[in-house]
Amino acid sequence: MRIFHLLAILAIPAFAQVGPDYERPASAVPPKFKGVTWRAASPAAHLPKGEWWKVFRDSKLNDLMARATAGNQDLKAALARFDQARATARMARADFLPGVSLPLTAERQRTSENQPSPIPLNGLRYDGPAYNAMADFSWELDLWGKIRRQNEGARADAEAAADAVHNVLLGIQAELASSYFQLRALDQEIRLVREAVALRGEALKIAQARVLAGAGSELEQAQAETEVASAEAEISTLQARRDQYENAIAILTGSSAASFRIVAGGAPPAPPGLPAGVPSDLLERRPDISSAERQLAAATARIGVARAQFFPSIRLLGRGGYQSMDLDALLEPASLMWSYGPSISVPLFAGGKNRFNLQKARAVHDEALAGWRQAFLTAVADVETSLSSIQNLATTSAAQQRARQSAERAASLAKTRYEAGTSPYLDVIEANRTALAMQRATAQTAGQRLAAAVSLIKALGGGWEATAPLPAPAPDPSAQIMPDDESRRGLLSRLKGFIRWRE
């Protein structure tokens, strides 16, 4: 009965929990950005979640996104890291429960003739077999919240790993979309240069005919041949750049670059319109910020774990079973033995180890806090940069459209005047070069505008609709997220199961 009285006294502080409770730091969300007006966030749960790339209305891009989600190796690695963190969180939950083991031993032993004994041994000893069939019981009482803090930190780590999956997925999707749009812009440039080669080929035939008729000079013919050759060389340069983007997309989709092809000729879509305002809480749902915030929560919990090391540790121990030197008599009642009682470990001196461990935990917390704040500053800068690019590129595109129209008209006039004999062929060359340069610049800017829109979507965590990205509620790592044979399922199936769990 005395043991139970002692346990009752020890259980009084059983709900104590040392260390600071986590409180999310206030985020310095800017009241407005330089290039856009903020509006209050409004719920829109009916809108589709996650598939932000469909705003561009490009079926090929949709197909590539599905292939990247199903086959990207970086995404597989991120999911594996999440599996590790989830398993660690479940292991931490197991510390709340007692541990029971069944050690079975069969050994030969020799006891000491001089071992302590209440009666004189006079040289007696035991030399022979020893058989044990025991059940060991151990349960640590979480008096100071150490186990609870460990479990809290492990849960936060699992949530951070889940956010990291979203961050990797968003990065893959954004890189794929940007590379795809750059590839389509190069397709437009290649088409324009091919058309220029055809037109310059016709001009070369005209120059050759004029030379044969005695109306032109060999200089004009040489200049026409130079223009054709230089345009053909430019096609090869552009094709090499296109191959680089195509190979990069192949890697993102988990495909072999040797067999991966994207048919040329597709025109890039029009850039989506920027809404009049976006919710000021969109930065909160960026997966990198959410992951940094969860890492800060885990670091806060581990301060409590470090502080709990200064307090006594109490475990309930029990052992019972059979012990005998004769295997045949092992399970007889006379072989039964047992013991039980508490074990108390009081930290008296550890050479400053616990104090330094607490200092380390606080420093890790300070590092996580700085990382979370840095993530916020980076997010604001990313949005500002993307907004600036979108607005300036829109202005550039409008000016280039006007310049392109003027250059094409000048090229047409120069050709007419040359054919009429009122202007030299050099005027035609210069006008054609200028027109081609403006046409290519227009195509390049169109690709850059699409890439800037993708950058803004990524900077806002997956679109400017409040419900566009996958939500990140606090998960329960003990819940069955995926079946045990998860390793045999495809990446797309695993990711769908992961997304359903996060929703």
Protein backbone atom coordinates (compact mmCIF):
# COMPACT_ATOMS: atom_id res chain seq x y z
CA MET A 1 0.00 0.00 0.00
CA ARG A 2 2.88 2.36 0.63
CA ILE A 3 3.88 2.12 -3.01
CA PHE A 4 0.40 3.15 -4.14
CA HIS A 5 0.43 6.08 -1.69
CA LEU A 6 3.74 7.17 -3.16
CA LEU A 7 2.34 6.94 -6.68
CA ALA A 8 -0.69 9.00 -5.69
CA ILE A 9 1.59 11.73 -4.38
CA LEU A 10 3.70 11.64 -7.52
CA ALA A 11 0.62 11.85 -9.73
CA ILE A 12 -0.36 15.25 -8.30
CA PRO A 13 1.77 17.21 -10.84
CA ALA A 14 0.98 14.76 -13.63
CA PHE A 15 -0.48 17.50 -15.82
CA ALA A 16 2.46 19.84 -15.37
CA GLN A 17 4.24 20.74 -18.58
CA VAL A 18 7.49 22.66 -18.42
CA GLY A 19 8.75 24.83 -21.24
CA PRO A 20 7.04 27.56 -23.25
CA ASP A 21 3.74 26.93 -25.03
CA TYR A 22 3.93 27.73 -28.71
CA GLU A 23 2.34 30.95 -29.90
CA ARG A 24 2.58 31.87 -33.52
CA PRO A 25 4.51 35.12 -33.98
CA ALA A 26 2.68 38.02 -35.52
CA SER A 27 3.43 38.22 -39.24
CA ALA A 28 4.36 41.53 -40.80
CA VAL A 29 1.98 41.32 -43.76
CA PRO A 30 2.23 44.55 -45.76
CA PRO A 31 -0.98 46.58 -45.93
CA LYS A 32 -0.50 46.84 -49.66
CA PHE A 33 2.00 46.11 -52.40
CA LYS A 34 3.43 48.63 -54.80
CA GLY A 35 1.55 47.28 -57.78
CA VAL A 36 -1.78 45.95 -56.53
CA THR A 37 -4.58 46.87 -54.15
CA TRP A 38 -5.41 44.37 -51.42
CA ARG A 39 -8.92 43.24 -50.70
CA ALA A 40 -10.33 41.33 -47.76
CA ALA A 41 -10.29 37.56 -48.15
CA SER A 42 -13.66 35.96 -48.77
CA PRO A 43 -14.47 32.23 -48.57
CA ALA A 44 -14.78 30.46 -51.91
CA ALA A 45 -14.83 26.77 -51.02
CA HIS A 46 -16.72 25.92 -54.21
CA LEU A 47 -13.74 26.78 -56.41
CA PRO A 48 -11.34 24.03 -57.54
CA LYS A 49 -8.24 23.65 -55.43
CA GLY A 50 -4.67 23.27 -56.59
CA GLU A 51 -4.89 23.18 -60.40
CA TRP A 52 -3.82 26.78 -60.88
CA TRP A 53 -2.21 26.10 -64.27
CA LYS A 54 -5.65 25.61 -65.86
CA VAL A 55 -6.08 29.37 -65.86
CA PHE A 56 -3.85 29.34 -68.97
CA ARG A 57 -6.26 27.03 -70.85
CA ASP A 58 -3.53 24.93 -72.48
CA SER A 59 -4.33 21.22 -72.84
CA LYS A 60 -0.69 20.25 -73.44
CA LEU A 61 0.36 22.01 -70.25
CA ASN A 62 -2.38 20.16 -68.35
CA ASP A 63 -1.03 16.85 -69.66
CA LEU A 64 2.55 17.72 -68.71
CA MET A 65 1.44 18.67 -65.18
CA ALA A 66 -0.22 15.29 -64.75
CA ARG A 67 2.93 13.52 -65.95
CA ALA A 68 5.13 15.55 -63.60
CA THR A 69 2.87 14.77 -60.66
CA ALA A 70 3.01 11.08 -61.49
CA GLY A 71 6.71 10.69 -62.27
CA ASN A 72 8.88 13.44 -60.79
CA GLN A 73 11.70 11.97 -58.70
CA ASP A 74 12.14 15.00 -56.43
CA LEU A 75 8.48 14.71 -55.49
CA LYS A 76 8.95 11.03 -54.69
CA ALA A 77 11.85 11.94 -52.41
CA ALA A 78 9.74 14.62 -50.67
CA LEU A 79 6.96 12.11 -50.06
CA ALA A 80 9.50 9.67 -48.66
CA ARG A 81 10.74 12.35 -46.25
CA PHE A 82 7.17 12.93 -45.17
CA ASP A 83 6.77 9.19 -44.57
CA GLN A 84 9.86 9.32 -42.34
CA ALA A 85 8.55 12.28 -40.34
CA ARG A 86 5.12 10.66 -39.98
CA ALA A 87 6.69 7.43 -38.70
CA THR A 88 8.79 9.42 -36.23
CA ALA A 89 5.65 11.16 -34.95
CA ARG A 90 3.95 7.80 -34.43
CA MET A 91 7.01 6.54 -32.59
CA ALA A 92 6.77 9.56 -30.26
CA ARG A 93 3.13 8.75 -29.50
CA ALA A 94 4.17 5.24 -28.48
CA ASP A 95 6.14 6.73 -25.56
CA PHE A 96 2.83 7.51 -23.82
CA LEU A 97 2.16 3.78 -23.45
CA PRO A 98 3.93 1.23 -21.28
CA GLY A 99 6.41 -1.17 -22.76
CA VAL A 100 6.15 -4.92 -22.24
CA SER A 101 8.74 -7.43 -23.40
CA LEU A 102 9.19 -11.16 -22.99
CA PRO A 103 12.89 -11.99 -22.70
CA LEU A 104 13.56 -15.73 -22.84
CA THR A 105 17.09 -16.84 -21.98
CA ALA A 106 18.88 -20.14 -21.72
CA GLU A 107 22.48 -19.83 -20.59
CA ARG A 108 25.16 -21.48 -18.58
CA GLN A 109 26.55 -19.47 -15.70
CA ARG A 110 29.01 -19.61 -12.85
CA THR A 111 28.41 -17.56 -9.73
CA SER A 112 31.11 -15.98 -7.63
CA GLU A 113 32.31 -17.75 -4.52
CA ASN A 114 32.78 -14.33 -2.93
CA GLN A 115 29.44 -12.75 -3.87
CA PRO A 116 27.59 -10.90 -1.09
CA SER A 117 25.36 -13.27 0.87
CA PRO A 118 23.42 -13.10 4.16
CA ILE A 119 24.99 -16.43 5.12
CA PRO A 120 28.59 -17.58 4.80
CA LEU A 121 29.13 -19.37 1.49
CA ASN A 122 32.42 -20.98 2.47
CA GLY A 123 33.41 -21.41 -1.16
CA LEU A 124 30.00 -22.46 -2.44
CA ARG A 125 29.08 -21.44 -5.94
CA TYR A 126 26.73 -22.45 -8.73
CA ASP A 127 28.06 -23.69 -12.02
CA GLY A 128 25.41 -24.90 -14.45
CA PRO A 129 22.48 -23.99 -16.68
CA ALA A 130 20.02 -21.16 -16.00
CA TYR A 131 16.66 -20.77 -17.70
CA ASN A 132 14.49 -17.64 -17.52
CA ALA A 133 11.00 -16.97 -18.89
CA MET A 134 10.20 -13.42 -17.77
CA ALA A 135 7.84 -10.59 -18.65
CA ASP A 136 9.32 -7.10 -18.22
CA PHE A 137 7.07 -4.06 -17.73
CA SER A 138 8.23 -0.42 -17.92
CA TRP A 139 6.24 2.80 -17.98
CA GLU A 140 7.64 6.31 -17.63
CA LEU A 141 5.33 8.79 -15.92
CA ASP A 142 5.13 12.03 -17.91
CA LEU A 143 5.14 14.23 -14.80
CA TRP A 144 6.82 17.24 -16.37
CA GLY A 145 5.47 17.00 -19.91
CA LYS A 146 8.68 15.73 -21.51
CA ILE A 147 6.91 13.05 -23.52
CA ARG A 148 4.10 15.44 -24.42
CA ARG A 149 6.63 17.99 -25.65
CA GLN A 150 8.46 15.31 -27.64
CA ASN A 151 5.19 14.28 -29.23
CA GLU A 152 4.30 17.92 -29.91
CA GLY A 153 7.63 18.50 -31.64
CA ALA A 154 7.36 15.30 -33.69
CA ARG A 155 3.86 16.26 -34.86
CA ALA A 156 5.11 19.69 -35.90
CA ASP A 157 7.98 18.06 -37.81
CA ALA A 158 5.50 15.84 -39.65
CA GLU A 159 3.39 18.87 -40.54
CA ALA A 160 6.51 20.70 -41.74
CA ALA A 161 7.41 17.70 -43.91
CA ALA A 162 3.88 17.72 -45.34
CA ASP A 163 4.22 21.41 -46.17
CA ALA A 164 7.59 20.64 -47.76
CA VAL A 165 5.82 18.20 -50.09
CA HIS A 166 3.52 21.02 -51.19
CA ASN A 167 6.51 23.33 -51.61
CA VAL A 168 8.36 20.81 -53.80
CA LEU A 169 5.20 20.15 -55.81
CA LEU A 170 4.55 23.86 -56.33
CA GLY A 171 8.17 24.43 -57.35
CA ILE A 172 8.02 21.58 -59.87
CA GLN A 173 4.76 22.85 -61.33
CA ALA A 174 6.00 26.44 -61.58
CA GLU A 175 9.30 25.42 -63.18
CA LEU A 176 7.50 23.18 -65.66
CA ALA A 177 5.01 25.89 -66.63
CA SER A 178 7.74 28.50 -67.03
CA SER A 179 9.90 26.16 -69.14
CA TYR A 180 6.90 25.20 -71.25
CA PHE A 181 6.01 28.82 -71.99
CA GLN A 182 9.61 29.64 -72.86
CA LEU A 183 9.62 26.67 -75.21
CA ARG A 184 6.43 27.88 -76.89
CA ALA A 185 7.92 31.35 -77.24
CA LEU A 186 10.93 29.78 -78.98
CA ASP A 187 8.54 27.92 -81.28
CA GLN A 188 7.13 31.30 -82.28
CA GLU A 189 10.61 32.70 -82.87
CA ILE A 190 11.63 29.69 -84.95
CA ARG A 191 8.45 30.05 -87.03
CA LEU A 192 9.18 33.76 -87.60
CA VAL A 193 12.79 33.10 -88.62
CA ARG A 194 11.71 30.29 -90.97
CA GLU A 195 9.27 32.69 -92.60
CA ALA A 196 12.09 35.23 -92.87
CA VAL A 197 14.29 32.61 -94.54
CA ALA A 198 11.54 31.92 -97.08
CA LEU A 199 11.04 35.62 -97.79
CA ARG A 200 14.77 36.24 -98.06
CA GLY A 201 15.03 33.25 -100.37
CA GLU A 202 12.51 34.90 -102.65
CA ALA A 203 14.48 38.14 -102.45
CA LEU A 204 17.62 36.20 -103.40
CA LYS A 205 15.90 34.81 -106.49
CA ILE A 206 14.84 38.31 -107.45
CA ALA A 207 18.40 39.59 -106.97
CA GLN A 208 19.79 36.73 -109.07
CA ALA A 209 17.25 37.45 -111.81
CA ARG A 210 18.17 41.15 -111.77
CA VAL A 211 21.84 40.27 -112.11
CA LEU A 212 21.12 38.00 -115.08
CA ALA A 213 19.02 40.75 -116.66
CA GLY A 214 21.75 43.31 -116.11
CA ALA A 215 19.52 45.42 -113.88
CA GLY A 216 21.23 44.49 -110.61
CA SER A 217 24.72 44.12 -109.21
CA GLU A 218 26.52 41.14 -107.80
CA LEU A 219 26.77 43.09 -104.55
CA GLU A 220 23.00 42.90 -104.14
CA GLN A 221 23.11 39.16 -104.81
CA ALA A 222 25.89 38.64 -102.24
CA GLN A 223 23.97 40.67 -99.67
CA ALA A 224 20.84 38.59 -100.29
CA GLU A 225 22.83 35.35 -99.93
CA THR A 226 24.29 36.63 -96.64
CA GLU A 227 20.83 37.38 -95.24
CA VAL A 228 19.55 33.91 -96.11
CA ALA A 229 22.57 32.14 -94.56
CA SER A 230 22.50 34.22 -91.35
CA ALA A 231 18.78 33.53 -90.85
CA GLU A 232 19.33 29.79 -91.37
CA ALA A 233 22.13 29.85 -88.78
CA GLU A 234 19.83 31.59 -86.31
CA ILE A 235 17.32 28.74 -86.63
CA SER A 236 19.94 26.28 -85.39
CA THR A 237 20.74 28.50 -82.41
CA LEU A 238 17.08 28.77 -81.46
CA GLN A 239 16.55 25.03 -81.91
CA ALA A 240 19.43 24.31 -79.51
CA ARG A 241 17.78 26.49 -76.86
CA ARG A 242 14.47 24.76 -77.48
CA ASP A 243 16.10 21.37 -76.98
CA GLN A 244 17.42 22.53 -73.60
CA TYR A 245 13.93 23.48 -72.42
CA GLU A 246 12.50 20.24 -73.78
CA ASN A 247 15.11 18.20 -71.90
CA ALA A 248 14.43 20.16 -68.71
CA ILE A 249 10.72 19.40 -69.03
CA ALA A 250 11.54 15.74 -69.57
CA ILE A 251 13.40 15.65 -66.25
CA LEU A 252 10.52 17.38 -64.47
CA THR A 253 8.06 14.79 -65.78
CA GLY A 254 10.33 11.89 -64.85
CA SER A 255 10.89 10.93 -68.50
CA SER A 256 14.01 10.07 -70.47
CA ALA A 257 15.20 13.04 -72.49
CA ALA A 258 16.17 10.68 -75.32
CA SER A 259 12.57 9.68 -75.99
CA PHE A 260 10.70 12.76 -74.79
CA ARG A 261 9.22 15.05 -77.43
CA ILE A 262 6.95 18.10 -77.48
CA VAL A 263 5.56 18.76 -80.94
CA ALA A 264 6.54 22.20 -82.16
CA GLY A 265 4.09 24.74 -83.47
CA GLY A 266 1.80 25.42 -80.54
CA ALA A 267 1.23 29.09 -79.89
CA PRO A 268 1.66 30.28 -76.29
CA PRO A 269 -1.59 31.22 -74.54
CA ALA A 270 -2.50 34.75 -73.63
CA PRO A 271 -1.33 35.78 -70.14
CA PRO A 272 -4.11 35.74 -67.53
CA GLY A 273 -5.43 39.04 -66.30
CA LEU A 274 -4.30 40.20 -62.87
CA PRO A 275 -7.30 40.64 -60.55
CA ALA A 276 -8.11 44.06 -59.18
CA GLY A 277 -7.11 42.92 -55.71
CA VAL A 278 -5.87 39.85 -53.89
CA PRO A 279 -6.41 38.81 -50.28
CA SER A 280 -3.78 39.99 -47.85
CA ASP A 281 -3.62 36.56 -46.19
CA LEU A 282 -2.42 34.73 -49.30
CA LEU A 283 1.18 34.83 -48.12
CA GLU A 284 0.13 32.85 -45.05
CA ARG A 285 -0.64 29.79 -47.14
CA ARG A 286 2.70 29.61 -48.98
CA PRO A 287 4.04 26.13 -48.25
CA ASP A 288 7.56 27.34 -47.47
CA ILE A 289 6.22 29.82 -44.89
CA SER A 290 3.94 27.20 -43.40
CA SER A 291 6.83 24.72 -43.21
CA ALA A 292 9.05 27.31 -41.51
CA GLU A 293 6.28 28.07 -39.01
CA ARG A 294 5.89 24.37 -38.18
CA GLN A 295 9.66 24.06 -37.70
CA LEU A 296 9.44 26.95 -35.26
CA ALA A 297 6.67 25.13 -33.37
CA ALA A 298 8.83 21.99 -33.18
CA ALA A 299 11.80 23.98 -31.89
CA THR A 300 9.60 25.59 -29.22
CA ALA A 301 8.39 22.19 -28.04
CA ARG A 302 11.96 20.91 -27.73
CA ILE A 303 12.79 23.70 -25.29
CA GLY A 304 10.27 22.00 -22.98
CA VAL A 305 11.97 18.64 -23.56
CA ALA A 306 15.33 20.17 -22.60
CA ARG A 307 13.87 21.80 -19.47
CA ALA A 308 12.30 18.52 -18.37
CA GLN A 309 15.78 17.00 -18.14
CA PHE A 310 16.34 19.07 -14.97
CA PHE A 311 13.52 17.24 -13.15
CA PRO A 312 13.36 13.72 -11.73
CA SER A 313 12.37 10.89 -14.03
CA ILE A 314 10.03 8.27 -12.58
CA ARG A 315 9.33 4.92 -14.14
CA LEU A 316 7.08 2.09 -13.02
CA LEU A 317 8.92 -1.22 -13.32
CA GLY A 318 7.69 -4.74 -13.04
CA ARG A 319 9.14 -8.15 -13.71
CA GLY A 320 7.64 -11.56 -13.32
CA GLY A 321 8.04 -15.06 -14.64
CA TYR A 322 9.84 -18.29 -14.10
CA GLN A 323 13.45 -18.95 -13.25
CA SER A 324 15.07 -22.33 -12.85
CA MET A 325 18.31 -24.22 -13.30
CA ASP A 326 16.36 -27.21 -14.67
CA LEU A 327 14.40 -26.82 -17.90
CA ASP A 328 11.90 -29.47 -16.88
CA ALA A 329 11.09 -27.57 -13.67
CA LEU A 330 10.95 -24.12 -15.31
CA LEU A 331 7.16 -23.81 -15.34
CA GLU A 332 6.56 -25.25 -11.90
CA PRO A 333 5.00 -22.95 -9.26
CA ALA A 334 8.16 -23.10 -7.21
CA SER A 335 10.05 -21.42 -10.10
CA LEU A 336 7.80 -18.35 -10.07
CA MET A 337 9.42 -15.02 -9.18
CA TRP A 338 8.33 -11.39 -9.49
CA SER A 339 9.19 -7.83 -8.53
CA TYR A 340 7.61 -4.40 -8.99
CA GLY A 341 7.98 -0.83 -7.87
CA PRO A 342 8.93 2.67 -8.98
CA SER A 343 12.35 3.74 -10.21
CA ILE A 344 13.28 7.36 -9.57
CA SER A 345 16.23 9.04 -11.27
CA VAL A 346 17.16 12.45 -9.86
CA PRO A 347 19.66 14.48 -11.95
CA LEU A 348 22.23 15.74 -9.46
CA PHE A 349 25.32 16.32 -11.55
CA ALA A 350 25.90 15.97 -15.28
CA GLY A 351 28.81 18.32 -15.87
CA GLY A 352 26.51 21.06 -17.20
CA LYS A 353 25.14 18.79 -19.93
CA ASN A 354 21.49 19.61 -19.26
CA ARG A 355 22.19 23.34 -19.04
CA PHE A 356 24.06 23.35 -22.34
CA ASN A 357 21.35 21.23 -23.94
CA LEU A 358 18.77 23.85 -22.93
CA GLN A 359 20.95 26.61 -24.38
CA LYS A 360 21.18 24.63 -27.61
CA ALA A 361 17.40 24.17 -27.75
CA ARG A 362 16.87 27.91 -27.30
CA ALA A 363 19.43 28.67 -30.01
CA VAL A 364 17.67 26.25 -32.38
CA HIS A 365 14.41 28.08 -31.60
CA ASP A 366 16.01 31.44 -32.38
CA GLU A 367 17.31 30.05 -35.67
CA ALA A 368 13.86 28.74 -36.59
CA LEU A 369 12.29 32.10 -35.71
CA ALA A 370 14.78 33.93 -37.91
CA GLY A 371 14.12 31.41 -40.70
CA TRP A 372 10.37 32.00 -40.45
CA ARG A 373 10.80 35.78 -40.58
CA GLN A 374 13.20 35.46 -43.51
CA ALA A 375 10.67 33.30 -45.34
CA PHE A 376 8.10 36.08 -44.92
CA LEU A 377 10.49 38.75 -46.18
CA THR A 378 11.36 36.57 -49.17
CA ALA A 379 7.68 36.00 -49.91
CA VAL A 380 6.94 39.74 -49.92
CA ALA A 381 9.93 40.37 -52.19
CA ASP A 382 8.85 37.57 -54.54
CA VAL A 383 5.38 39.06 -54.91
CA GLU A 384 6.75 42.57 -55.42
CA THR A 385 9.19 41.34 -58.07
CA SER A 386 6.51 39.36 -59.91
CA LEU A 387 4.02 42.23 -59.84
CA SER A 388 6.68 44.61 -61.13
CA SER A 389 7.58 42.21 -63.94
CA ILE A 390 3.96 41.72 -64.97
CA GLN A 391 3.22 45.44 -65.11
CA ASN A 392 6.44 46.47 -66.84
CA LEU A 393 6.26 43.62 -69.35
CA ALA A 394 2.68 44.61 -70.18
CA THR A 395 3.88 48.13 -70.96
CA THR A 396 6.80 46.74 -72.96
CA SER A 397 4.48 44.44 -74.92
CA ALA A 398 2.18 47.30 -75.91
CA ALA A 399 5.11 49.40 -77.12
CA GLN A 400 6.61 46.46 -79.02
CA GLN A 401 3.32 45.79 -80.79
CA ARG A 402 3.35 49.35 -82.10
CA ALA A 403 7.01 49.08 -83.07
CA ARG A 404 6.37 45.76 -84.82
CA GLN A 405 3.57 47.22 -86.91
CA SER A 406 5.73 50.18 -87.92
CA ALA A 407 8.70 47.92 -88.75
CA GLU A 408 6.57 45.61 -90.90
CA ARG A 409 5.13 48.59 -92.75
CA ALA A 410 8.65 50.00 -93.28
CA ALA A 411 9.83 46.64 -94.64
CA SER A 412 6.94 46.55 -97.09
CA LEU A 413 7.67 50.11 -98.26
CA ALA A 414 11.39 49.39 -98.65
CA LYS A 415 10.63 46.32 -100.80
CA THR A 416 8.24 48.32 -102.99
CA ARG A 417 10.74 51.16 -103.49
CA TYR A 418 13.57 48.69 -104.25
CA GLU A 419 11.50 46.87 -106.85
CA ALA A 420 10.64 50.24 -108.37
CA GLY A 421 14.35 51.10 -108.49
CA THR A 422 14.08 54.15 -106.21
CA SER A 423 15.92 52.67 -103.19
CA PRO A 424 19.03 50.54 -102.77
CA TYR A 425 18.83 46.93 -101.61
CA LEU A 426 20.56 47.94 -98.37
CA ASP A 427 17.34 49.69 -97.31
CA VAL A 428 15.45 46.42 -97.77
CA ILE A 429 18.03 44.53 -95.69
CA GLU A 430 17.87 47.01 -92.82
CA ALA A 431 14.07 47.16 -92.86
CA ASN A 432 13.76 43.35 -92.90
CA ARG A 433 16.26 42.98 -90.06
CA THR A 434 14.39 45.52 -87.96
CA ALA A 435 11.02 43.89 -88.65
CA LEU A 436 12.33 40.43 -87.75
CA ALA A 437 13.98 41.74 -84.59
CA MET A 438 10.71 43.36 -83.45
CA GLN A 439 8.72 40.23 -84.27
CA ARG A 440 11.09 38.09 -82.26
CA ALA A 441 11.14 40.60 -79.39
CA THR A 442 7.34 40.48 -79.30
CA ALA A 443 7.41 36.67 -79.07
CA GLN A 444 10.06 36.78 -76.35
CA THR A 445 8.07 39.28 -74.29
CA ALA A 446 4.95 37.14 -74.60
CA GLY A 447 6.88 34.21 -73.09
CA GLN A 448 8.29 36.44 -70.37
CA ARG A 449 4.81 37.68 -69.45
CA LEU A 450 3.60 34.12 -69.03
CA ALA A 451 6.65 33.25 -66.94
CA ALA A 452 6.04 36.33 -64.77
CA ALA A 453 2.43 35.24 -64.23
CA VAL A 454 3.70 31.82 -63.14
CA SER A 455 6.16 33.49 -60.76
CA LEU A 456 3.34 35.49 -59.18
CA ILE A 457 1.24 32.38 -58.78
CA LYS A 458 4.15 30.61 -57.10
CA ALA A 459 4.90 33.65 -54.92
CA LEU A 460 1.30 33.64 -53.69
CA GLY A 461 1.41 29.94 -52.90
CA GLY A 462 -0.55 28.67 -55.90
CA GLY A 463 -2.72 31.36 -57.45
CA TRP A 464 -4.48 34.47 -56.32
CA GLU A 465 -7.73 32.79 -55.39
CA ALA A 466 -7.92 32.29 -51.65
CA THR A 467 -8.79 28.61 -52.05
CA ALA A 468 -6.53 27.81 -54.98
CA PRO A 469 -3.70 26.03 -53.13
CA LEU A 470 -4.05 22.87 -51.15
CA PRO A 471 -5.04 23.76 -47.56
CA ALA A 472 -2.71 22.92 -44.70
CA PRO A 473 -4.71 22.11 -41.54
CA ALA A 474 -2.99 20.60 -38.52
CA PRO A 475 -2.77 16.87 -39.28
CA ASP A 476 -2.98 13.97 -36.86
CA PRO A 477 0.10 11.87 -37.59
CA SER A 478 -1.50 8.89 -35.85
CA ALA A 479 -4.26 8.75 -38.45
CA GLN A 480 -3.95 6.19 -41.23
CA ILE A 481 -3.03 8.45 -44.12
CA MET A 482 -1.99 5.79 -46.59
CA PRO A 483 -2.25 1.99 -46.61
CA ASP A 484 0.64 -0.14 -45.41
CA ASP A 485 1.47 -1.32 -48.93
CA GLU A 486 1.98 2.29 -50.00
CA SER A 487 5.36 1.56 -51.51
CA ARG A 488 3.68 -0.54 -54.20
CA ARG A 489 1.41 2.27 -55.36
CA GLY A 490 2.27 4.83 -58.03
CA LEU A 491 3.36 8.36 -57.18
CA LEU A 492 0.15 9.88 -58.52
CA SER A 493 -1.99 7.59 -56.33
CA ARG A 494 0.17 8.35 -53.30
CA LEU A 495 -0.05 12.08 -53.90
CA LYS A 496 -3.83 11.93 -54.30
CA GLY A 497 -4.09 10.11 -50.99
CA PHE A 498 -1.78 12.68 -49.40
CA ILE A 499 -3.89 15.55 -50.75
CA ARG A 500 -7.12 14.00 -49.46
CA TRP A 501 -5.54 13.72 -46.03
CA ARG A 502 -4.42 17.37 -46.07
CA GLU A 503 -7.93 18.50 -47.08
